[in-house]
């Protein structure tokens, strides 16, 4: 591919559906726990984390957003394939969850960015009241 062209992964076989289901179904709980943990750290002015751990958390959140986009594309591709009714129903169900997960990942990235800024010795920006 030429520079600047996003890498499009080839379509996975429908047999990969259980793996994607596992990741999408488990994401919400994991993300909410991570968000809660980071919010507690940000609320404590004395809390500090090694910059390497914060950078890892931030990178993991960014990677999760990329992975969600890839899974979303894969679900779209499967909708165009010849798959069983049960597989199609599962693809539709998972597609409906993706928009609920995306803002959680984006929120995690925002919080991890704030934590990263603090870990690097920057001053914390004025606290925003996070709404649930």
N, C-alpha and C. Protein backbone atom coordinates (compact mmCIF):
# COMPACT_ATOMS: atom_id res chain seq x y z
N UNK A 1 0.83 -1.21 0.00
CA UNK A 1 0.00 0.00 0.00
C UNK A 1 0.86 1.26 0.00
N UNK A 2 0.36 2.30 -0.64
CA UNK A 2 1.13 3.53 -0.68
C UNK A 2 1.03 4.23 0.67
N UNK A 3 2.03 5.08 0.99
CA UNK A 3 1.99 5.76 2.29
C UNK A 3 0.70 6.58 2.42
N UNK A 4 0.17 6.58 3.62
CA UNK A 4 -1.06 7.34 3.86
C UNK A 4 -2.32 6.54 3.62
N UNK A 5 -2.19 5.34 3.02
CA UNK A 5 -3.38 4.51 2.82
C UNK A 5 -3.55 3.63 4.04
N UNK A 6 -4.74 3.63 4.63
CA UNK A 6 -4.92 2.77 5.80
C UNK A 6 -4.81 1.29 5.40
N UNK A 7 -4.23 0.53 6.29
CA UNK A 7 -4.10 -0.91 6.03
C UNK A 7 -5.48 -1.54 6.19
N UNK A 8 -5.96 -2.15 5.18
CA UNK A 8 -7.23 -2.86 5.28
C UNK A 8 -6.91 -4.33 5.42
N UNK A 9 -7.30 -4.88 6.56
CA UNK A 9 -7.01 -6.29 6.74
C UNK A 9 -8.01 -7.08 5.91
N UNK A 10 -7.56 -8.20 5.38
CA UNK A 10 -8.50 -9.02 4.61
C UNK A 10 -9.58 -9.54 5.54
N UNK A 11 -10.71 -9.84 4.97
CA UNK A 11 -11.83 -10.32 5.77
C UNK A 11 -11.47 -11.63 6.45
N UNK A 12 -11.84 -11.73 7.71
CA UNK A 12 -11.63 -12.96 8.47
C UNK A 12 -12.76 -13.93 8.16
N UNK A 13 -12.51 -15.23 8.30
CA UNK A 13 -13.61 -16.17 8.13
C UNK A 13 -14.60 -16.01 9.28
N UNK A 14 -15.84 -16.38 9.05
CA UNK A 14 -16.88 -16.26 10.07
C UNK A 14 -16.52 -17.08 11.31
N UNK A 15 -15.61 -18.02 11.18
CA UNK A 15 -15.17 -18.80 12.35
C UNK A 15 -14.47 -17.92 13.40
N UNK A 16 -14.09 -16.70 13.03
CA UNK A 16 -13.46 -15.77 13.98
C UNK A 16 -14.52 -15.04 14.82
N UNK A 17 -15.79 -15.25 14.50
CA UNK A 17 -16.87 -14.56 15.23
C UNK A 17 -16.80 -14.75 16.75
N UNK A 18 -16.58 -15.98 17.26
CA UNK A 18 -16.52 -16.14 18.72
C UNK A 18 -15.42 -15.29 19.38
N UNK A 19 -14.27 -15.13 18.70
CA UNK A 19 -13.19 -14.31 19.25
C UNK A 19 -13.62 -12.85 19.35
N UNK A 20 -14.23 -12.35 18.30
CA UNK A 20 -14.68 -10.96 18.28
C UNK A 20 -15.82 -10.77 19.29
N UNK A 21 -16.72 -11.76 19.38
CA UNK A 21 -17.81 -11.69 20.36
C UNK A 21 -17.23 -11.57 21.77
N UNK A 22 -16.24 -12.40 22.07
CA UNK A 22 -15.62 -12.40 23.40
C UNK A 22 -15.05 -11.02 23.73
N UNK A 23 -14.35 -10.41 22.78
CA UNK A 23 -13.74 -9.10 23.01
C UNK A 23 -14.79 -8.00 23.16
N UNK A 24 -15.79 -8.00 22.28
CA UNK A 24 -16.81 -6.95 22.33
C UNK A 24 -17.70 -7.10 23.56
N UNK A 25 -18.13 -8.33 23.86
CA UNK A 25 -19.00 -8.53 25.02
C UNK A 25 -18.29 -8.20 26.33
N UNK A 26 -16.97 -8.42 26.40
CA UNK A 26 -16.24 -8.17 27.64
C UNK A 26 -15.76 -6.74 27.80
N UNK A 27 -15.79 -5.98 26.72
CA UNK A 27 -15.16 -4.65 26.72
C UNK A 27 -15.78 -3.67 27.70
N UNK A 28 -17.10 -3.62 27.76
CA UNK A 28 -17.75 -2.59 28.56
C UNK A 28 -17.34 -2.66 30.04
N UNK A 29 -17.39 -3.85 30.61
CA UNK A 29 -17.03 -4.01 32.01
C UNK A 29 -15.58 -3.65 32.28
N UNK A 30 -14.69 -4.08 31.40
CA UNK A 30 -13.26 -3.79 31.55
C UNK A 30 -13.01 -2.29 31.45
N UNK A 31 -13.62 -1.66 30.45
CA UNK A 31 -13.43 -0.21 30.25
C UNK A 31 -13.95 0.59 31.45
N UNK A 32 -15.13 0.22 31.94
CA UNK A 32 -15.70 0.95 33.08
C UNK A 32 -14.81 0.81 34.32
N UNK A 33 -14.22 -0.37 34.52
CA UNK A 33 -13.31 -0.59 35.65
C UNK A 33 -12.05 0.25 35.48
N UNK A 34 -11.50 0.28 34.25
CA UNK A 34 -10.30 1.09 33.99
C UNK A 34 -10.59 2.58 34.19
N UNK A 35 -11.73 3.04 33.69
CA UNK A 35 -12.11 4.45 33.84
C UNK A 35 -12.22 4.80 35.32
N UNK A 36 -12.88 3.93 36.08
CA UNK A 36 -13.06 4.16 37.51
C UNK A 36 -11.71 4.24 38.22
N UNK A 37 -10.81 3.33 37.87
CA UNK A 37 -9.48 3.30 38.51
C UNK A 37 -8.71 4.59 38.19
N UNK A 38 -8.75 5.04 36.95
CA UNK A 38 -8.01 6.24 36.57
C UNK A 38 -8.65 7.48 37.21
N UNK A 39 -9.98 7.51 37.28
CA UNK A 39 -10.64 8.66 37.92
C UNK A 39 -10.23 8.76 39.39
N UNK A 40 -10.08 7.61 40.07
CA UNK A 40 -9.64 7.63 41.47
C UNK A 40 -8.23 8.18 41.58
N UNK A 41 -7.37 7.78 40.66
CA UNK A 41 -5.99 8.29 40.67
C UNK A 41 -5.97 9.80 40.42
N UNK A 42 -6.78 10.25 39.46
CA UNK A 42 -6.81 11.68 39.14
C UNK A 42 -7.39 12.50 40.29
N UNK A 43 -8.30 11.90 41.05
CA UNK A 43 -8.94 12.61 42.15
C UNK A 43 -7.99 12.79 43.34
N UNK A 44 -6.95 11.96 43.40
CA UNK A 44 -5.98 12.03 44.49
C UNK A 44 -4.76 12.82 44.03
N UNK A 45 -4.61 14.06 44.52
CA UNK A 45 -3.48 14.89 44.06
C UNK A 45 -2.12 14.28 44.40
N UNK A 46 -2.09 13.38 45.38
CA UNK A 46 -0.83 12.76 45.79
C UNK A 46 -0.49 11.52 44.95
N UNK A 47 -1.47 11.00 44.23
CA UNK A 47 -1.25 9.76 43.47
C UNK A 47 -0.31 10.01 42.31
N UNK A 48 0.68 9.17 42.22
CA UNK A 48 1.59 9.25 41.07
C UNK A 48 1.83 7.83 40.57
N UNK A 49 2.05 7.75 39.30
CA UNK A 49 2.36 6.47 38.66
C UNK A 49 3.60 6.67 37.82
N UNK A 50 4.40 5.63 37.67
CA UNK A 50 5.55 5.75 36.78
C UNK A 50 5.08 6.11 35.36
N UNK A 51 5.74 7.09 34.72
CA UNK A 51 5.34 7.49 33.37
C UNK A 51 5.24 6.32 32.39
N UNK A 52 6.10 5.30 32.56
CA UNK A 52 6.05 4.17 31.62
C UNK A 52 4.74 3.41 31.73
N UNK A 53 4.22 3.26 32.95
CA UNK A 53 2.94 2.56 33.15
C UNK A 53 1.80 3.39 32.57
N UNK A 54 1.85 4.69 32.79
CA UNK A 54 0.80 5.58 32.26
C UNK A 54 0.83 5.57 30.74
N UNK A 55 2.03 5.63 30.16
CA UNK A 55 2.16 5.62 28.70
C UNK A 55 1.62 4.31 28.13
N UNK A 56 1.86 3.21 28.83
CA UNK A 56 1.37 1.90 28.40
C UNK A 56 -0.16 1.89 28.42
N UNK A 57 -0.75 2.42 29.49
CA UNK A 57 -2.21 2.49 29.61
C UNK A 57 -2.80 3.32 28.48
N UNK A 58 -2.18 4.45 28.21
CA UNK A 58 -2.66 5.33 27.14
C UNK A 58 -2.55 4.63 25.79
N UNK A 59 -1.43 3.97 25.52
CA UNK A 59 -1.25 3.28 24.24
C UNK A 59 -2.25 2.13 24.12
N UNK A 60 -2.48 1.43 25.22
CA UNK A 60 -3.44 0.32 25.20
C UNK A 60 -4.84 0.83 24.84
N UNK A 61 -5.22 1.98 25.38
CA UNK A 61 -6.54 2.56 25.09
C UNK A 61 -6.63 2.95 23.61
N UNK A 62 -5.56 3.55 23.09
CA UNK A 62 -5.55 3.94 21.66
C UNK A 62 -5.63 2.70 20.77
N UNK A 63 -4.89 1.65 21.16
CA UNK A 63 -4.93 0.40 20.40
C UNK A 63 -6.33 -0.21 20.44
N UNK A 64 -6.99 -0.11 21.59
CA UNK A 64 -8.35 -0.65 21.73
C UNK A 64 -9.31 0.05 20.76
N UNK A 65 -9.12 1.37 20.59
CA UNK A 65 -9.98 2.11 19.67
C UNK A 65 -9.74 1.63 18.23
N UNK A 66 -8.47 1.42 17.87
CA UNK A 66 -8.14 0.90 16.53
C UNK A 66 -8.73 -0.50 16.34
N UNK A 67 -8.62 -1.35 17.37
CA UNK A 67 -9.13 -2.71 17.30
C UNK A 67 -10.65 -2.70 17.14
N UNK A 68 -11.31 -1.82 17.88
CA UNK A 68 -12.77 -1.72 17.77
C UNK A 68 -13.16 -1.33 16.35
N UNK A 69 -12.42 -0.40 15.75
CA UNK A 69 -12.70 0.02 14.37
C UNK A 69 -12.51 -1.16 13.42
N UNK A 70 -11.45 -1.95 13.64
CA UNK A 70 -11.20 -3.12 12.79
C UNK A 70 -12.32 -4.15 12.94
N UNK A 71 -12.76 -4.38 14.18
CA UNK A 71 -13.85 -5.34 14.42
C UNK A 71 -15.13 -4.84 13.77
N UNK A 72 -15.37 -3.56 13.86
CA UNK A 72 -16.57 -2.97 13.27
C UNK A 72 -16.58 -3.17 11.75
N UNK A 73 -15.42 -2.95 11.13
CA UNK A 73 -15.29 -3.18 9.67
C UNK A 73 -15.54 -4.65 9.34
N UNK A 74 -14.99 -5.54 10.20
CA UNK A 74 -15.16 -6.97 9.96
C UNK A 74 -16.63 -7.35 10.04
N UNK A 75 -17.33 -6.83 11.01
CA UNK A 75 -18.76 -7.12 11.15
C UNK A 75 -19.52 -6.67 9.91
N UNK A 76 -19.15 -5.49 9.38
CA UNK A 76 -19.77 -4.98 8.15
C UNK A 76 -19.53 -5.95 6.98
N UNK A 77 -18.30 -6.44 6.89
CA UNK A 77 -17.97 -7.36 5.80
C UNK A 77 -18.79 -8.65 5.91
N UNK A 78 -18.93 -9.15 7.13
CA UNK A 78 -19.70 -10.38 7.32
C UNK A 78 -21.17 -10.19 6.94
N UNK A 79 -21.68 -8.98 7.13
CA UNK A 79 -23.08 -8.71 6.77
C UNK A 79 -23.29 -8.92 5.26
N UNK A 80 -22.22 -8.74 4.49
CA UNK A 80 -22.31 -8.89 3.03
C UNK A 80 -22.05 -10.34 2.60
N UNK A 81 -21.53 -11.15 3.53
CA UNK A 81 -21.21 -12.55 3.22
C UNK A 81 -22.46 -13.42 3.30
N UNK A 82 -22.32 -14.61 2.80
CA UNK A 82 -23.37 -15.62 2.95
C UNK A 82 -23.08 -16.34 4.26
N UNK A 83 -23.84 -15.99 5.29
CA UNK A 83 -23.65 -16.62 6.60
C UNK A 83 -25.01 -17.12 7.08
N UNK A 84 -25.01 -17.95 8.10
CA UNK A 84 -26.28 -18.50 8.60
C UNK A 84 -27.11 -17.41 9.28
N UNK A 85 -28.37 -17.68 9.46
CA UNK A 85 -29.24 -16.72 10.16
C UNK A 85 -28.75 -16.47 11.58
N UNK A 86 -28.30 -17.52 12.25
CA UNK A 86 -27.80 -17.38 13.62
C UNK A 86 -26.54 -16.50 13.65
N UNK A 87 -25.65 -16.72 12.69
CA UNK A 87 -24.43 -15.90 12.61
C UNK A 87 -24.80 -14.45 12.31
N UNK A 88 -25.74 -14.26 11.40
CA UNK A 88 -26.17 -12.90 11.04
C UNK A 88 -26.78 -12.19 12.25
N UNK A 89 -27.59 -12.90 13.02
CA UNK A 89 -28.21 -12.31 14.21
C UNK A 89 -27.13 -11.88 15.21
N UNK A 90 -26.11 -12.70 15.34
CA UNK A 90 -25.01 -12.38 16.27
C UNK A 90 -24.21 -11.19 15.76
N UNK A 91 -23.95 -11.12 14.47
CA UNK A 91 -23.23 -9.99 13.88
C UNK A 91 -24.02 -8.70 14.11
N UNK A 92 -25.32 -8.75 13.89
CA UNK A 92 -26.18 -7.57 14.11
C UNK A 92 -26.13 -7.14 15.57
N UNK A 93 -26.20 -8.11 16.48
CA UNK A 93 -26.16 -7.81 17.92
C UNK A 93 -24.84 -7.13 18.29
N UNK A 94 -23.74 -7.67 17.80
CA UNK A 94 -22.42 -7.11 18.12
C UNK A 94 -22.26 -5.72 17.50
N UNK A 95 -22.75 -5.54 16.27
CA UNK A 95 -22.68 -4.22 15.63
C UNK A 95 -23.39 -3.17 16.48
N UNK A 96 -24.47 -3.57 17.15
CA UNK A 96 -25.23 -2.63 17.97
C UNK A 96 -24.48 -2.23 19.24
N UNK A 97 -23.54 -3.07 19.68
CA UNK A 97 -22.78 -2.78 20.90
C UNK A 97 -21.62 -1.82 20.62
N UNK A 98 -21.06 -1.89 19.41
CA UNK A 98 -19.88 -1.09 19.07
C UNK A 98 -20.05 0.40 19.41
N UNK A 99 -21.18 1.05 19.05
CA UNK A 99 -21.33 2.47 19.38
C UNK A 99 -21.38 2.76 20.88
N UNK A 100 -21.69 1.74 21.68
CA UNK A 100 -21.70 1.93 23.14
C UNK A 100 -20.29 1.85 23.70
N UNK A 101 -19.43 1.09 23.06
CA UNK A 101 -18.07 0.89 23.55
C UNK A 101 -17.17 2.05 23.15
N UNK A 102 -17.35 2.57 21.93
CA UNK A 102 -16.46 3.62 21.40
C UNK A 102 -16.32 4.81 22.37
N UNK A 103 -17.43 5.39 22.89
CA UNK A 103 -17.26 6.54 23.80
C UNK A 103 -16.54 6.16 25.10
N UNK A 104 -16.68 4.93 25.54
CA UNK A 104 -15.96 4.50 26.75
C UNK A 104 -14.46 4.49 26.49
N UNK A 105 -14.07 4.00 25.33
CA UNK A 105 -12.64 3.99 24.99
C UNK A 105 -12.14 5.42 24.86
N UNK A 106 -12.93 6.28 24.22
CA UNK A 106 -12.52 7.68 24.05
C UNK A 106 -12.37 8.37 25.41
N UNK A 107 -13.27 8.05 26.33
CA UNK A 107 -13.19 8.62 27.68
C UNK A 107 -11.95 8.11 28.39
N UNK A 108 -11.66 6.83 28.23
CA UNK A 108 -10.46 6.24 28.82
C UNK A 108 -9.20 6.92 28.27
N UNK A 109 -9.18 7.19 26.97
CA UNK A 109 -8.04 7.87 26.35
C UNK A 109 -7.89 9.27 26.95
N UNK A 110 -8.99 9.98 27.12
CA UNK A 110 -8.93 11.34 27.69
C UNK A 110 -8.39 11.30 29.12
N UNK A 111 -8.88 10.37 29.91
CA UNK A 111 -8.42 10.26 31.30
C UNK A 111 -6.96 9.82 31.37
N UNK A 112 -6.58 8.87 30.51
CA UNK A 112 -5.19 8.40 30.49
C UNK A 112 -4.25 9.51 30.02
N UNK A 113 -4.74 10.36 29.12
CA UNK A 113 -3.94 11.50 28.65
C UNK A 113 -3.69 12.46 29.80
N UNK A 114 -4.71 12.70 30.59
CA UNK A 114 -4.60 13.56 31.76
C UNK A 114 -3.60 12.96 32.76
N UNK A 115 -3.70 11.68 32.97
CA UNK A 115 -2.79 10.98 33.88
C UNK A 115 -1.36 11.06 33.34
N UNK A 116 -1.22 10.89 32.03
CA UNK A 116 0.08 10.97 31.37
C UNK A 116 0.70 12.34 31.58
N UNK A 117 -0.11 13.38 31.44
CA UNK A 117 0.37 14.75 31.63
C UNK A 117 0.89 14.91 33.06
N UNK A 118 0.15 14.36 34.01
CA UNK A 118 0.56 14.46 35.41
C UNK A 118 1.83 13.64 35.66
N UNK A 119 1.89 12.46 35.08
CA UNK A 119 3.06 11.58 35.28
C UNK A 119 4.33 12.22 34.75
N UNK A 120 4.19 13.03 33.71
CA UNK A 120 5.36 13.68 33.12
C UNK A 120 5.71 14.97 33.85
N UNK A 121 5.01 15.23 34.96
CA UNK A 121 5.35 16.39 35.77
C UNK A 121 4.60 17.65 35.40
N UNK A 122 3.70 17.54 34.45
CA UNK A 122 2.89 18.70 34.09
C UNK A 122 1.86 18.94 35.17
N UNK A 123 1.36 20.13 35.22
CA UNK A 123 0.31 20.38 36.21
C UNK A 123 -0.99 19.83 35.67
N UNK A 124 -1.80 19.37 36.57
CA UNK A 124 -3.10 18.84 36.16
C UNK A 124 -3.94 20.00 35.67
N UNK A 125 -4.65 19.78 34.61
CA UNK A 125 -5.53 20.84 34.12
C UNK A 125 -6.69 20.96 35.10
N UNK A 126 -7.41 22.08 35.09
CA UNK A 126 -8.52 22.22 36.03
C UNK A 126 -9.46 21.04 35.91
N UNK A 127 -9.87 20.54 37.06
CA UNK A 127 -10.69 19.33 37.07
C UNK A 127 -12.05 19.60 36.45
N UNK A 128 -12.41 18.73 35.54
CA UNK A 128 -13.76 18.78 35.00
C UNK A 128 -14.59 17.80 35.81
N UNK A 129 -15.83 18.11 36.00
CA UNK A 129 -16.70 17.14 36.66
C UNK A 129 -17.14 16.15 35.60
N UNK A 130 -16.71 14.90 35.77
CA UNK A 130 -17.08 13.88 34.80
C UNK A 130 -18.49 13.43 35.07
N UNK A 131 -19.28 13.39 34.02
CA UNK A 131 -20.66 12.92 34.16
C UNK A 131 -20.74 11.47 33.73
N UNK A 132 -21.57 10.70 34.40
CA UNK A 132 -21.75 9.30 34.01
C UNK A 132 -22.85 9.23 32.96
